[in-house]
C-alpha atoms as a PDB file:
ATOM      1  CA  UNK A   1      17.163  18.337 -18.455  1.00  0.00           C
ATOM      2  CA  UNK A   2      19.588  16.089 -16.304  1.00  0.00           C
ATOM      3  CA  UNK A   3      18.634  12.906 -14.636  1.00  0.00           C
ATOM      4  CA  UNK A   4      18.795  14.615 -11.223  1.00  0.00           C
ATOM      5  CA  UNK A   5      16.098  17.194 -12.242  1.00  0.00           C
ATOM      6  CA  UNK A   6      13.875  14.419 -13.296  1.00  0.00           C
ATOM      7  CA  UNK A   7      14.045  12.670  -9.945  1.00  0.00           C
ATOM      8  CA  UNK A   8      11.127  13.298  -7.590  1.00  0.00           C
ATOM      9  CA  UNK A   9      11.949  16.026  -4.959  1.00  0.00           C
ATOM     10  CA  UNK A  10       8.903  16.161  -2.776  1.00  0.00           C
ATOM     11  CA  UNK A  11       7.597  13.541  -0.358  1.00  0.00           C
ATOM     12  CA  UNK A  12       4.359  13.179  -2.403  1.00  0.00           C
ATOM     13  CA  UNK A  13       6.226  12.750  -5.628  1.00  0.00           C
ATOM     14  CA  UNK A  14       8.563  10.007  -4.065  1.00  0.00           C
ATOM     15  CA  UNK A  15       5.540   8.302  -2.530  1.00  0.00           C
ATOM     16  CA  UNK A  16       3.676   8.176  -5.800  1.00  0.00           C
ATOM     17  CA  UNK A  17       6.661   6.764  -7.554  1.00  0.00           C
ATOM     18  CA  UNK A  18       7.207   4.190  -4.855  1.00  0.00           C
ATOM     19  CA  UNK A  19       3.417   3.363  -4.886  1.00  0.00           C
ATOM     20  CA  UNK A  20       3.500   2.906  -8.595  1.00  0.00           C
ATOM     21  CA  UNK A  21       6.461   0.560  -8.448  1.00  0.00           C
ATOM     22  CA  UNK A  22       4.895  -1.465  -5.814  1.00  0.00           C
ATOM     23  CA  UNK A  23       1.518  -1.809  -7.688  1.00  0.00           C
ATOM     24  CA  UNK A  24       3.375  -2.809 -10.775  1.00  0.00           C
ATOM     25  CA  UNK A  25       5.412  -5.419  -8.970  1.00  0.00           C
ATOM     26  CA  UNK A  26       2.451  -6.810  -7.211  1.00  0.00           C
ATOM     27  CA  UNK A  27       0.481  -7.027 -10.480  1.00  0.00           C
ATOM     28  CA  UNK A  28       3.380  -8.905 -12.265  1.00  0.00           C
ATOM     29  CA  UNK A  29       3.466 -11.428  -9.368  1.00  0.00           C
ATOM     30  CA  UNK A  30      -0.257 -11.742  -9.386  1.00  0.00           C
ATOM     31  CA  UNK A  31      -0.937 -11.998 -13.211  1.00  0.00           C
ATOM     32  CA  UNK A  32       2.318 -13.776 -14.416  1.00  0.00           C
ATOM     33  CA  UNK A  33       3.670 -17.315 -13.864  1.00  0.00           C
ATOM     34  CA  UNK A  34       6.553 -15.767 -11.630  1.00  0.00           C
ATOM     35  CA  UNK A  35       6.445 -17.428  -8.323  1.00  0.00           C
ATOM     36  CA  UNK A  36       8.449 -16.700  -4.993  1.00  0.00           C
ATOM     37  CA  UNK A  37       9.117 -18.704  -1.896  1.00  0.00           C
ATOM     38  CA  UNK A  38       9.356 -17.075   1.443  1.00  0.00           C
ATOM     39  CA  UNK A  39      11.079 -18.414   4.493  1.00  0.00           C
ATOM     40  CA  UNK A  40       8.367 -19.783   6.845  1.00  0.00           C
ATOM     41  CA  UNK A  41       9.959 -17.726   9.709  1.00  0.00           C
ATOM     42  CA  UNK A  42       9.076 -14.504   7.843  1.00  0.00           C
ATOM     43  CA  UNK A  43       5.434 -15.065   7.382  1.00  0.00           C
ATOM     44  CA  UNK A  44       4.496 -13.294  10.576  1.00  0.00           C
ATOM     45  CA  UNK A  45       6.446 -10.208   9.263  1.00  0.00           C
ATOM     46  CA  UNK A  46       4.549 -10.280   6.054  1.00  0.00           C
ATOM     47  CA  UNK A  47       1.168 -10.649   7.747  1.00  0.00           C
ATOM     48  CA  UNK A  48       1.854  -7.694  10.255  1.00  0.00           C
ATOM     49  CA  UNK A  49       3.208  -5.642   7.274  1.00  0.00           C
ATOM     50  CA  UNK A  50      -0.142  -6.132   5.443  1.00  0.00           C
ATOM     51  CA  UNK A  51      -2.080  -5.077   8.401  1.00  0.00           C
ATOM     52  CA  UNK A  52       0.248  -2.085   8.690  1.00  0.00           C
ATOM     53  CA  UNK A  53      -0.513  -0.736   5.237  1.00  0.00           C
ATOM     54  CA  UNK A  54      -4.160  -1.313   5.570  1.00  0.00           C
ATOM     55  CA  UNK A  55      -4.000   0.507   9.008  1.00  0.00           C
ATOM     56  CA  UNK A  56      -1.885   3.116   7.201  1.00  0.00           C
ATOM     57  CA  UNK A  57      -4.801   4.127   5.028  1.00  0.00           C
ATOM     58  CA  UNK A  58      -6.881   4.352   8.251  1.00  0.00           C
ATOM     59  CA  UNK A  59      -4.493   6.570  10.077  1.00  0.00           C
ATOM     60  CA  UNK A  60      -4.046   8.895   7.123  1.00  0.00           C
ATOM     61  CA  UNK A  61      -7.802   9.343   7.027  1.00  0.00           C
ATOM     62  CA  UNK A  62      -7.884  10.003  10.772  1.00  0.00           C
ATOM     63  CA  UNK A  63      -4.988  12.372  10.470  1.00  0.00           C
ATOM     64  CA  UNK A  64      -6.884  14.337   7.955  1.00  0.00           C
ATOM     65  CA  UNK A  65      -9.821  14.631  10.221  1.00  0.00           C
ATOM     66  CA  UNK A  66      -8.022  15.303  13.522  1.00  0.00           C
ATOM     67  CA  UNK A  67      -4.572  16.323  12.773  1.00  0.00           C
ATOM     68  CA  UNK A  68      -5.387  18.842  10.028  1.00  0.00           C
ATOM     69  CA  UNK A  69      -8.953  19.845  10.964  1.00  0.00           C
ATOM     70  CA  UNK A  70      -9.253  19.223  14.725  1.00  0.00           C
ATOM     71  CA  UNK A  71     -12.172  16.826  14.468  1.00  0.00           C
ATOM     72  CA  UNK A  72     -12.163  14.399  17.332  1.00  0.00           C
ATOM     73  CA  UNK A  73     -13.472  11.052  15.842  1.00  0.00           C
ATOM     74  CA  UNK A  74     -13.447   8.239  18.412  1.00  0.00           C
ATOM     75  CA  UNK A  75     -15.470   6.069  16.138  1.00  0.00           C
ATOM     76  CA  UNK A  76     -13.161   5.733  13.028  1.00  0.00           C
ATOM     77  CA  UNK A  77     -13.462   1.924  13.181  1.00  0.00           C
ATOM     78  CA  UNK A  78     -17.145   2.126  12.160  1.00  0.00           C
ATOM     79  CA  UNK A  79     -16.344   3.438   8.632  1.00  0.00           C
ATOM     80  CA  UNK A  80     -13.617   0.769   8.401  1.00  0.00           C
ATOM     81  CA  UNK A  81     -16.226  -1.879   9.360  1.00  0.00           C
ATOM     82  CA  UNK A  82     -18.939  -0.467   6.972  1.00  0.00           C
ATOM     83  CA  UNK A  83     -16.483  -0.645   4.020  1.00  0.00           C
ATOM     84  CA  UNK A  84     -15.449  -4.133   4.895  1.00  0.00           C
ATOM     85  CA  UNK A  85     -18.978  -5.404   5.434  1.00  0.00           C
ATOM     86  CA  UNK A  86     -20.374  -3.720   2.261  1.00  0.00           C
ATOM     87  CA  UNK A  87     -17.647  -5.464   0.189  1.00  0.00           C
ATOM     88  CA  UNK A  88     -18.239  -8.750   1.902  1.00  0.00           C
ATOM     89  CA  UNK A  89     -22.023  -8.724   1.602  1.00  0.00           C
ATOM     90  CA  UNK A  90     -22.008  -7.695  -2.048  1.00  0.00           C
ATOM     91  CA  UNK A  91     -19.186 -10.023  -3.269  1.00  0.00           C
ATOM     92  CA  UNK A  92     -19.365 -13.048  -1.030  1.00  0.00           C
ATOM     93  CA  UNK A  93     -20.513 -16.381  -2.431  1.00  0.00           C
ATOM     94  CA  UNK A  94     -21.718 -19.508  -0.569  1.00  0.00           C
ATOM     95  CA  UNK A  95     -21.435 -17.714   2.740  1.00  0.00           C
ATOM     96  CA  UNK A  96     -22.125 -19.754   5.848  1.00  0.00           C
ATOM     97  CA  UNK A  97     -24.188 -16.948   7.414  1.00  0.00           C
ATOM     98  CA  UNK A  98     -25.391 -13.504   6.475  1.00  0.00           C
ATOM     99  CA  UNK A  99     -25.869 -12.167   2.943  1.00  0.00           C
ATOM    100  CA  UNK A 100     -23.628 -12.913  -0.009  1.00  0.00           C
ATOM    101  CA  UNK A 101     -24.790 -11.599  -3.420  1.00  0.00           C
ATOM    102  CA  UNK A 102     -21.834 -12.599  -5.483  1.00  0.00           C
ATOM    103  CA  UNK A 103     -21.225  -9.217  -7.401  1.00  0.00           C
ATOM    104  CA  UNK A 104     -17.705  -8.578  -9.062  1.00  0.00           C
ATOM    105  CA  UNK A 105     -15.293  -7.523  -6.337  1.00  0.00           C
ATOM    106  CA  UNK A 106     -14.037  -4.330  -8.105  1.00  0.00           C
ATOM    107  CA  UNK A 107     -17.555  -2.915  -8.167  1.00  0.00           C
ATOM    108  CA  UNK A 108     -18.210  -3.807  -4.498  1.00  0.00           C
ATOM    109  CA  UNK A 109     -14.882  -2.095  -3.503  1.00  0.00           C
ATOM    110  CA  UNK A 110     -16.081   1.228  -5.068  1.00  0.00           C
ATOM    111  CA  UNK A 111     -19.537   0.754  -3.363  1.00  0.00           C
ATOM    112  CA  UNK A 112     -17.782   0.086   0.035  1.00  0.00           C
ATOM    113  CA  UNK A 113     -16.015   3.382  -0.253  1.00  0.00           C
ATOM    114  CA  UNK A 114     -19.098   5.269  -1.299  1.00  0.00           C
ATOM    115  CA  UNK A 115     -21.139   3.633   1.533  1.00  0.00           C
ATOM    116  CA  UNK A 116     -18.494   4.664   4.120  1.00  0.00           C
ATOM    117  CA  UNK A 117     -18.461   8.117   2.731  1.00  0.00           C
ATOM    118  CA  UNK A 118     -22.218   8.425   2.851  1.00  0.00           C
ATOM    119  CA  UNK A 119     -22.203   7.235   6.535  1.00  0.00           C
ATOM    120  CA  UNK A 120     -19.568   9.882   7.203  1.00  0.00           C
ATOM    121  CA  UNK A 121     -21.771  12.526   5.539  1.00  0.00           C
ATOM    122  CA  UNK A 122     -24.684  11.519   7.658  1.00  0.00           C
ATOM    123  CA  UNK A 123     -22.644  11.505  10.989  1.00  0.00           C
ATOM    124  CA  UNK A 124     -20.982  14.741  10.031  1.00  0.00           C
ATOM    125  CA  UNK A 125     -24.156  16.516   9.061  1.00  0.00           C
ATOM    126  CA  UNK A 126     -25.791  15.691  12.490  1.00  0.00           C
ATOM    127  CA  UNK A 127     -22.658  16.067  14.716  1.00  0.00           C
ATOM    128  CA  UNK A 128     -20.006  18.424  13.362  1.00  0.00           C
ATOM    129  CA  UNK A 129     -21.740  21.433  14.899  1.00  0.00           C
ATOM    130  CA  UNK A 130     -21.217  20.015  18.428  1.00  0.00           C
ATOM    131  CA  UNK A 131     -18.250  20.822  20.468  1.00  0.00           C
ATOM    132  CA  UNK A 132     -15.199  18.453  20.353  1.00  0.00           C
ATOM    133  CA  UNK A 133     -16.061  16.361  23.364  1.00  0.00           C
ATOM    134  CA  UNK A 134     -19.679  15.851  22.230  1.00  0.00           C
ATOM    135  CA  UNK A 135     -18.434  14.899  18.735  1.00  0.00           C
ATOM    136  CA  UNK A 136     -16.096  12.335  20.211  1.00  0.00           C
ATOM    137  CA  UNK A 137     -19.033  10.770  22.147  1.00  0.00           C
ATOM    138  CA  UNK A 138     -21.210  10.698  19.170  1.00  0.00           C
ATOM    139  CA  UNK A 139     -18.709   9.072  16.950  1.00  0.00           C
ATOM    140  CA  UNK A 140     -17.876   6.549  19.649  1.00  0.00           C
ATOM    141  CA  UNK A 141     -21.539   5.829  20.181  1.00  0.00           C
ATOM    142  CA  UNK A 142     -21.976   5.305  16.400  1.00  0.00           C
ATOM    143  CA  UNK A 143     -19.198   2.687  16.356  1.00  0.00           C
ATOM    144  CA  UNK A 144     -20.821   0.840  19.222  1.00  0.00           C
ATOM    145  CA  UNK A 145     -24.283   0.861  17.591  1.00  0.00           C
ATOM    146  CA  UNK A 146     -22.916  -0.616  14.444  1.00  0.00           C
ATOM    147  CA  UNK A 147     -20.950  -3.186  16.335  1.00  0.00           C
ATOM    148  CA  UNK A 148     -24.138  -4.306  18.155  1.00  0.00           C
ATOM    149  CA  UNK A 149     -26.069  -4.479  14.776  1.00  0.00           C
ATOM    150  CA  UNK A 150     -23.351  -6.601  13.127  1.00  0.00           C
ATOM    151  CA  UNK A 151     -23.682  -9.102  16.080  1.00  0.00           C
ATOM    152  CA  UNK A 152     -27.520  -9.150  16.580  1.00  0.00           C
ATOM    153  CA  UNK A 153     -28.755  -9.089  12.935  1.00  0.00           C
ATOM    154  CA  UNK A 154     -27.387 -12.568  12.127  1.00  0.00           C
ATOM    155  CA  UNK A 155     -29.531 -12.926   8.894  1.00  0.00           C
ATOM    156  CA  UNK A 156     -27.851  -9.941   7.390  1.00  0.00           C
ATOM    157  CA  UNK A 157     -24.456  -9.699   8.878  1.00  0.00           C
ATOM    158  CA  UNK A 158     -23.819 -13.211  10.096  1.00  0.00           C
ATOM    159  CA  UNK A 159     -23.605 -12.403  13.743  1.00  0.00           C
ATOM    160  CA  UNK A 160     -20.393 -13.369  15.648  1.00  0.00           C
ATOM    161  CA  UNK A 161     -19.570 -15.840  12.722  1.00  0.00           C
ATOM    162  CA  UNK A 162     -19.546 -12.983  10.217  1.00  0.00           C
ATOM    163  CA  UNK A 163     -19.515 -13.475   6.448  1.00  0.00           C
ATOM    164  CA  UNK A 164     -17.405 -15.979   4.849  1.00  0.00           C
ATOM    165  CA  UNK A 165     -16.544 -16.721   1.192  1.00  0.00           C
ATOM    166  CA  UNK A 166     -15.457 -13.219   0.272  1.00  0.00           C
ATOM    167  CA  UNK A 167     -13.315 -13.248  -2.834  1.00  0.00           C
ATOM    168  CA  UNK A 168      -9.519 -13.064  -2.469  1.00  0.00           C
ATOM    169  CA  UNK A 169      -8.538 -11.980  -5.891  1.00  0.00           C
ATOM    170  CA  UNK A 170      -4.756 -11.857  -5.184  1.00  0.00           C
ATOM    171  CA  UNK A 171      -4.645 -15.316  -3.653  1.00  0.00           C
ATOM    172  CA  UNK A 172      -6.933 -16.751  -6.322  1.00  0.00           C
ATOM    173  CA  UNK A 173      -4.703 -15.377  -9.233  1.00  0.00           C
ATOM    174  CA  UNK A 174      -1.312 -15.776  -7.770  1.00  0.00           C
ATOM    175  CA  UNK A 175      -1.472 -19.547  -7.636  1.00  0.00           C
ATOM    176  CA  UNK A 176       0.385 -20.164  -4.327  1.00  0.00           C
ATOM    177  CA  UNK A 177       0.417 -18.734  -0.790  1.00  0.00           C
ATOM    178  CA  UNK A 178       3.869 -17.283  -0.687  1.00  0.00           C
ATOM    179  CA  UNK A 179       3.529 -15.352  -3.930  1.00  0.00           C
ATOM    180  CA  UNK A 180       0.131 -14.136  -2.804  1.00  0.00           C
ATOM    181  CA  UNK A 181       1.357 -12.881   0.577  1.00  0.00           C
ATOM    182  CA  UNK A 182       4.245 -10.920  -1.212  1.00  0.00           C
ATOM    183  CA  UNK A 183       1.967  -9.630  -3.942  1.00  0.00           C
ATOM    184  CA  UNK A 184      -0.713  -8.556  -1.379  1.00  0.00           C
ATOM    185  CA  UNK A 185       1.801  -6.570   0.611  1.00  0.00           C
ATOM    186  CA  UNK A 186       3.070  -4.900  -2.510  1.00  0.00           C
ATOM    187  CA  UNK A 187      -0.334  -3.980  -3.996  1.00  0.00           C
ATOM    188  CA  UNK A 188      -1.944  -2.671  -0.714  1.00  0.00           C
ATOM    189  CA  UNK A 189       1.462  -1.000   0.182  1.00  0.00           C
ATOM    190  CA  UNK A 190       1.139   0.760  -3.358  1.00  0.00           C
ATOM    191  CA  UNK A 191      -2.406   1.928  -2.451  1.00  0.00           C
ATOM    192  CA  UNK A 192      -1.238   3.270   0.870  1.00  0.00           C
ATOM    193  CA  UNK A 193       1.593   5.240  -0.811  1.00  0.00           C
ATOM    194  CA  UNK A 194      -0.790   6.704  -3.344  1.00  0.00           C
ATOM    195  CA  UNK A 195      -3.133   7.554  -0.573  1.00  0.00           C
ATOM    196  CA  UNK A 196      -0.245   9.372   1.124  1.00  0.00           C
ATOM    197  CA  UNK A 197       0.422  11.317  -2.049  1.00  0.00           C
ATOM    198  CA  UNK A 198      -3.182  12.374  -2.385  1.00  0.00           C
ATOM    199  CA  UNK A 199      -3.574  13.321   1.230  1.00  0.00           C
ATOM    200  CA  UNK A 200      -0.184  15.283   1.256  1.00  0.00           C
ATOM    201  CA  UNK A 201      -1.065  17.247  -1.872  1.00  0.00           C
ATOM    202  CA  UNK A 202      -4.458  18.045  -0.482  1.00  0.00           C
ATOM    203  CA  UNK A 203      -3.106  19.239   2.826  1.00  0.00           C
ATOM    204  CA  UNK A 204      -0.138  21.172   1.402  1.00  0.00           C
ATOM    205  CA  UNK A 205      -2.488  23.063  -0.920  1.00  0.00           C
ATOM    206  CA  UNK A 206      -4.395  26.206   0.116  1.00  0.00           C
ATOM    207  CA  UNK A 207      -7.197  23.864   1.012  1.00  0.00           C
ATOM    208  CA  UNK A 208      -5.044  22.325   3.697  1.00  0.00           C
ATOM    209  CA  UNK A 209      -4.195  25.664   5.065  1.00  0.00           C
ATOM    210  CA  UNK A 210      -7.807  26.395   5.530  1.00  0.00           C
ATOM    211  CA  UNK A 211      -8.336  23.141   7.459  1.00  0.00           C
ATOM    212  CA  UNK A 212      -5.432  24.030   9.785  1.00  0.00           C
ATOM    213  CA  UNK A 213      -6.855  27.445  10.373  1.00  0.00           C
ATOM    214  CA  UNK A 214     -10.125  25.868  11.374  1.00  0.00           C
ATOM    215  CA  UNK A 215      -8.353  23.618  13.790  1.00  0.00           C
ATOM    216  CA  UNK A 216      -6.444  26.638  15.296  1.00  0.00           C
ATOM    217  CA  UNK A 217      -9.440  28.900  15.611  1.00  0.00           C
ATOM    218  CA  UNK A 218     -12.827  28.177  13.859  1.00  0.00           C
ATOM    219  CA  UNK A 219     -14.321  31.539  14.764  1.00  0.00           C
ATOM    220  CA  UNK A 220     -11.463  33.580  13.270  1.00  0.00           C
ATOM    221  CA  UNK A 221     -11.544  31.418  10.214  1.00  0.00           C
ATOM    222  CA  UNK A 222     -15.223  31.895   9.809  1.00  0.00           C
ATOM    223  CA  UNK A 223     -14.936  35.696  10.280  1.00  0.00           C
ATOM    224  CA  UNK A 224     -12.639  35.907   7.183  1.00  0.00           C
ATOM    225  CA  UNK A 225     -15.475  34.381   5.097  1.00  0.00           C
ATOM    226  CA  UNK A 226     -14.582  30.765   4.937  1.00  0.00           C
ATOM    227  CA  UNK A 227     -17.559  28.161   5.109  1.00  0.00           C
ATOM    228  CA  UNK A 228     -15.980  26.336   7.945  1.00  0.00           C
ATOM    229  CA  UNK A 229     -18.725  23.764   8.247  1.00  0.00           C
ATOM    230  CA  UNK A 230     -18.466  22.801   4.564  1.00  0.00           C
ATOM    231  CA  UNK A 231     -14.622  22.349   5.026  1.00  0.00           C
ATOM    232  CA  UNK A 232     -15.253  20.304   8.152  1.00  0.00           C
ATOM    233  CA  UNK A 233     -17.813  18.163   6.374  1.00  0.00           C
ATOM    234  CA  UNK A 234     -15.468  17.500   3.437  1.00  0.00           C
ATOM    235  CA  UNK A 235     -12.613  16.477   5.708  1.00  0.00           C
ATOM    236  CA  UNK A 236     -14.749  14.210   7.722  1.00  0.00           C
ATOM    237  CA  UNK A 237     -16.257  12.479   4.603  1.00  0.00           C
ATOM    238  CA  UNK A 238     -12.747  12.163   2.951  1.00  0.00           C
ATOM    239  CA  UNK A 239     -11.453  10.535   6.118  1.00  0.00           C
ATOM    240  CA  UNK A 240     -14.460   8.148   6.164  1.00  0.00           C
ATOM    241  CA  UNK A 241     -14.093   7.284   2.634  1.00  0.00           C
ATOM    242  CA  UNK A 242     -10.342   6.327   3.171  1.00  0.00           C
ATOM    243  CA  UNK A 243     -11.491   4.149   6.110  1.00  0.00           C
ATOM    244  CA  UNK A 244     -13.988   2.510   3.788  1.00  0.00           C
ATOM    245  CA  UNK A 245     -11.238   1.829   1.200  1.00  0.00           C
ATOM    246  CA  UNK A 246      -9.012   0.205   4.029  1.00  0.00           C
ATOM    247  CA  UNK A 247     -12.026  -1.873   5.120  1.00  0.00           C
ATOM    248  CA  UNK A 248     -12.776  -3.123   1.629  1.00  0.00           C
ATOM    249  CA  UNK A 249      -9.062  -4.039   1.077  1.00  0.00           C
ATOM    250  CA  UNK A 250      -9.099  -5.862   4.376  1.00  0.00           C
ATOM    251  CA  UNK A 251     -12.037  -7.928   3.467  1.00  0.00           C
ATOM    252  CA  UNK A 252     -10.667  -8.966   0.101  1.00  0.00           C
ATOM    253  CA  UNK A 253      -7.359  -9.784   1.690  1.00  0.00           C
ATOM    254  CA  UNK A 254      -8.838 -11.732   4.699  1.00  0.00           C
ATOM    255  CA  UNK A 255     -11.620 -13.473   2.747  1.00  0.00           C
ATOM    256  CA  UNK A 256     -14.059 -13.006   5.737  1.00  0.00           C
ATOM    257  CA  UNK A 257     -15.354 -10.277   8.010  1.00  0.00           C
ATOM    258  CA  UNK A 258     -16.641 -10.576  11.506  1.00  0.00           C
ATOM    259  CA  UNK A 259     -17.363  -8.161  14.466  1.00  0.00           C
ATOM    260  CA  UNK A 260     -14.289  -9.338  16.215  1.00  0.00           C
ATOM    261  CA  UNK A 261     -12.121  -7.578  13.548  1.00  0.00           C
ATOM    262  CA  UNK A 262     -13.672  -4.188  14.093  1.00  0.00           C
ATOM    263  CA  UNK A 263     -13.490  -3.501  17.807  1.00  0.00           C
ATOM    264  CA  UNK A 264     -12.584  -0.291  19.553  1.00  0.00           C
ATOM    265  CA  UNK A 265      -9.081  -1.570  19.650  1.00  0.00           C
ATOM    266  CA  UNK A 266      -8.633  -0.689  16.016  1.00  0.00           C
ATOM    267  CA  UNK A 267      -9.586   2.985  16.823  1.00  0.00           C
ATOM    268  CA  UNK A 268      -7.187   2.980  19.724  1.00  0.00           C
ATOM    269  CA  UNK A 269      -4.352   1.618  17.684  1.00  0.00           C
ATOM    270  CA  UNK A 270      -4.568   4.261  14.968  1.00  0.00           C
ATOM    271  CA  UNK A 271      -5.023   7.036  17.416  1.00  0.00           C
ATOM    272  CA  UNK A 272      -2.034   5.965  19.531  1.00  0.00           C
ATOM    273  CA  UNK A 273      -0.042   5.705  16.212  1.00  0.00           C
ATOM    274  CA  UNK A 274      -1.106   9.205  15.149  1.00  0.00           C
ATOM    275  CA  UNK A 275      -0.400  10.835  18.546  1.00  0.00           C
ATOM    276  CA  UNK A 276       2.772   8.915  18.988  1.00  0.00           C
ATOM    277  CA  UNK A 277       4.183  10.046  15.659  1.00  0.00           C
ATOM    278  CA  UNK A 278       2.870  13.641  15.685  1.00  0.00           C
ATOM    279  CA  UNK A 279      -0.639  14.584  14.371  1.00  0.00           C
ATOM    280  CA  UNK A 280      -0.786  16.784  11.144  1.00  0.00           C
ATOM    281  CA  UNK A 281       2.322  15.256   9.818  1.00  0.00           C
ATOM    282  CA  UNK A 282       1.506  12.466   7.418  1.00  0.00           C
ATOM    283  CA  UNK A 283       4.873  10.860   7.447  1.00  0.00           C
ATOM    284  CA  UNK A 284       4.985  10.984  11.184  1.00  0.00           C
ATOM    285  CA  UNK A 285       1.643   9.335  11.823  1.00  0.00           C
ATOM    286  CA  UNK A 286       2.758   6.326   9.607  1.00  0.00           C
ATOM    287  CA  UNK A 287       5.978   6.233  11.494  1.00  0.00           C
ATOM    288  CA  UNK A 288       4.017   6.253  14.838  1.00  0.00           C
ATOM    289  CA  UNK A 289       1.782   3.502  13.619  1.00  0.00           C
ATOM    290  CA  UNK A 290       4.946   1.507  12.452  1.00  0.00           C
ATOM    291  CA  UNK A 291       6.212   1.709  16.097  1.00  0.00           C
ATOM    292  CA  UNK A 292       3.074   0.392  17.593  1.00  0.00           C
ATOM    293  CA  UNK A 293       2.709  -2.371  15.033  1.00  0.00           C
ATOM    294  CA  UNK A 294       6.391  -3.264  15.603  1.00  0.00           C
ATOM    295  CA  UNK A 295       5.774  -3.542  19.383  1.00  0.00           C
ATOM    296  CA  UNK A 296       2.851  -5.932  18.640  1.00  0.00           C
ATOM    297  CA  UNK A 297       5.096  -7.929  16.405  1.00  0.00           C
ATOM    298  CA  UNK A 298       7.999  -8.101  18.960  1.00  0.00           C
ATOM    299  CA  UNK A 299       5.465  -8.981  21.607  1.00  0.00           C
ATOM    300  CA  UNK A 300       4.490 -12.145  19.721  1.00  0.00           C
ATOM    301  CA  UNK A 301       8.035 -13.406  20.059  1.00  0.00           C
ATOM    302  CA  UNK A 302       8.125 -12.261  23.730  1.00  0.00           C
ATOM    303  CA  UNK A 303       5.210 -14.265  24.600  1.00  0.00           C
ATOM    304  CA  UNK A 304       6.989 -17.506  24.053  1.00  0.00           C
ATOM    305  CA  UNK A 305       9.585 -16.677  26.793  1.00  0.00           C
ATOM    306  CA  UNK A 306       7.425 -14.714  29.213  1.00  0.00           C
ATOM    307  CA  UNK A 307       6.630 -16.527  32.457  1.00  0.00           C
ATOM    308  CA  UNK A 308       2.945 -15.529  32.344  1.00  0.00           C
ATOM    309  CA  UNK A 309      -0.210 -16.709  30.727  1.00  0.00           C
ATOM    310  CA  UNK A 310      -1.380 -15.357  27.246  1.00  0.00           C
ATOM    311  CA  UNK A 311      -4.263 -13.390  28.842  1.00  0.00           C
ATOM    312  CA  UNK A 312      -1.737 -11.721  31.397  1.00  0.00           C
ATOM    313  CA  UNK A 313       0.662 -11.048  28.737  1.00  0.00           C
ATOM    314  CA  UNK A 314      -1.968  -9.340  26.515  1.00  0.00           C
ATOM    315  CA  UNK A 315      -2.832  -6.969  29.507  1.00  0.00           C
ATOM    316  CA  UNK A 316       0.858  -6.332  30.098  1.00  0.00           C
ATOM    317  CA  UNK A 317       1.366  -5.394  26.370  1.00  0.00           C
ATOM    318  CA  UNK A 318      -1.601  -2.885  26.690  1.00  0.00           C
ATOM    319  CA  UNK A 319      -0.022  -1.363  29.843  1.00  0.00           C
ATOM    320  CA  UNK A 320       3.331  -1.003  28.144  1.00  0.00           C
ATOM    321  CA  UNK A 321       1.875   0.633  25.093  1.00  0.00           C
ATOM    322  CA  UNK A 322      -0.186   2.997  27.428  1.00  0.00           C
ATOM    323  CA  UNK A 323       2.941   3.997  29.376  1.00  0.00           C
ATOM    324  CA  UNK A 324       4.927   4.691  26.159  1.00  0.00           C
ATOM    325  CA  UNK A 325       1.969   6.999  25.038  1.00  0.00           C
ATOM    326  CA  UNK A 326       1.917   8.740  28.460  1.00  0.00           C
ATOM    327  CA  UNK A 327       5.647   9.409  28.318  1.00  0.00           C
ATOM    328  CA  UNK A 328       5.492  10.805  24.811  1.00  0.00           C
ATOM    329  CA  UNK A 329       2.533  13.064  25.609  1.00  0.00           C
ATOM    330  CA  UNK A 330       4.282  14.118  28.801  1.00  0.00           C
ATOM    331  CA  UNK A 331       7.606  15.060  27.220  1.00  0.00           C
ATOM    332  CA  UNK A 332       6.643  15.342  23.523  1.00  0.00           C
ATOM    333  CA  UNK A 333       2.880  16.500  23.610  1.00  0.00           C
ATOM    334  CA  UNK A 334       3.039  17.214  19.773  1.00  0.00           C
ATOM    335  CA  UNK A 335       4.463  13.551  19.192  1.00  0.00           C
ATOM    336  CA  UNK A 336       7.884  12.328  18.369  1.00  0.00           C
ATOM    337  CA  UNK A 337       8.058  14.195  15.018  1.00  0.00           C
ATOM    338  CA  UNK A 338       5.150  16.617  15.419  1.00  0.00           C
ATOM    339  CA  UNK A 339       5.436  20.398  15.234  1.00  0.00           C
ATOM    340  CA  UNK A 340       4.538  21.822  18.670  1.00  0.00           C
ATOM    341  CA  UNK A 341       4.318  25.396  17.434  1.00  0.00           C
ATOM    342  CA  UNK A 342       1.860  24.377  14.605  1.00  0.00           C
ATOM    343  CA  UNK A 343      -0.234  22.277  16.943  1.00  0.00           C
ATOM    344  CA  UNK A 344      -0.347  24.941  19.552  1.00  0.00           C
ATOM    345  CA  UNK A 345       1.014  22.785  22.417  1.00  0.00           C
ATOM    346  CA  UNK A 346       3.777  23.318  24.823  1.00  0.00           C
ATOM    347  CA  UNK A 347       6.965  21.413  23.929  1.00  0.00           C
END
């Protein structure tokens, strides 16, 4: 067998190889005396990059739910928040407010994913038989309910202050801030690449074809003997679990959680990224998210020269993003890289 034959040929194989390399490099930086120094002007790029790879796991889960199965989930942030708060409450030590039990962080990360999946199962069991618009309202309401709970139950969730003292394992092991920043980007980026591999293999399999058949016409899919509700439940729970994983990783990176990190803006960001890139295409939704995150990054630099206040500039930024989405939906309703024929929309 030649070297060319051994090289990965599919997207999922290449992503798995890339993810493995990133994880190994991140682990080396974290666990060995190797140190790196980053130019101070690049810190913001690394910070936005870390947020991008965390949101990347989020958008892959949402794409599994909506892009492949047609489930309209406007409350995706709630599973992100539940994963983060579960990790924070179980692992935090000496927190200023709320609960901090001090359990080992690897265990809490697993519990965070399971908790988000259980919440997804509860929401799915009670809502997935509803029509798309009602499902959207229920998921949005669920997110708002939990956001209110996080604020008002101060003794448990810490209120607006949130929960501090969450372990930051990479920062604690890496030794210095620059190395920790690079190692965090590599490690979480590796997790995102592995997530891409898992979701791509799942959706490329016959299982994924059933999901797309449900999205296209659930009644016809049910008529050929497929248990459509079971498939919808599984897709919804898988997406919720991925959001919980993203939330847990965010908590361990940030060292704290608070309601301000889990607003409706998170859901809007991943939805816009998915629709911009092209739903049902895993590469496209990540590319669309990269465009949105890139605009946010560029706007940070533009703020310094814009002749308006920070509040006005934030509003202008939202208007610009909204206009971009409107233009794309008007002229490319399937997204920039989406397949209009597969999604059943007019190109």
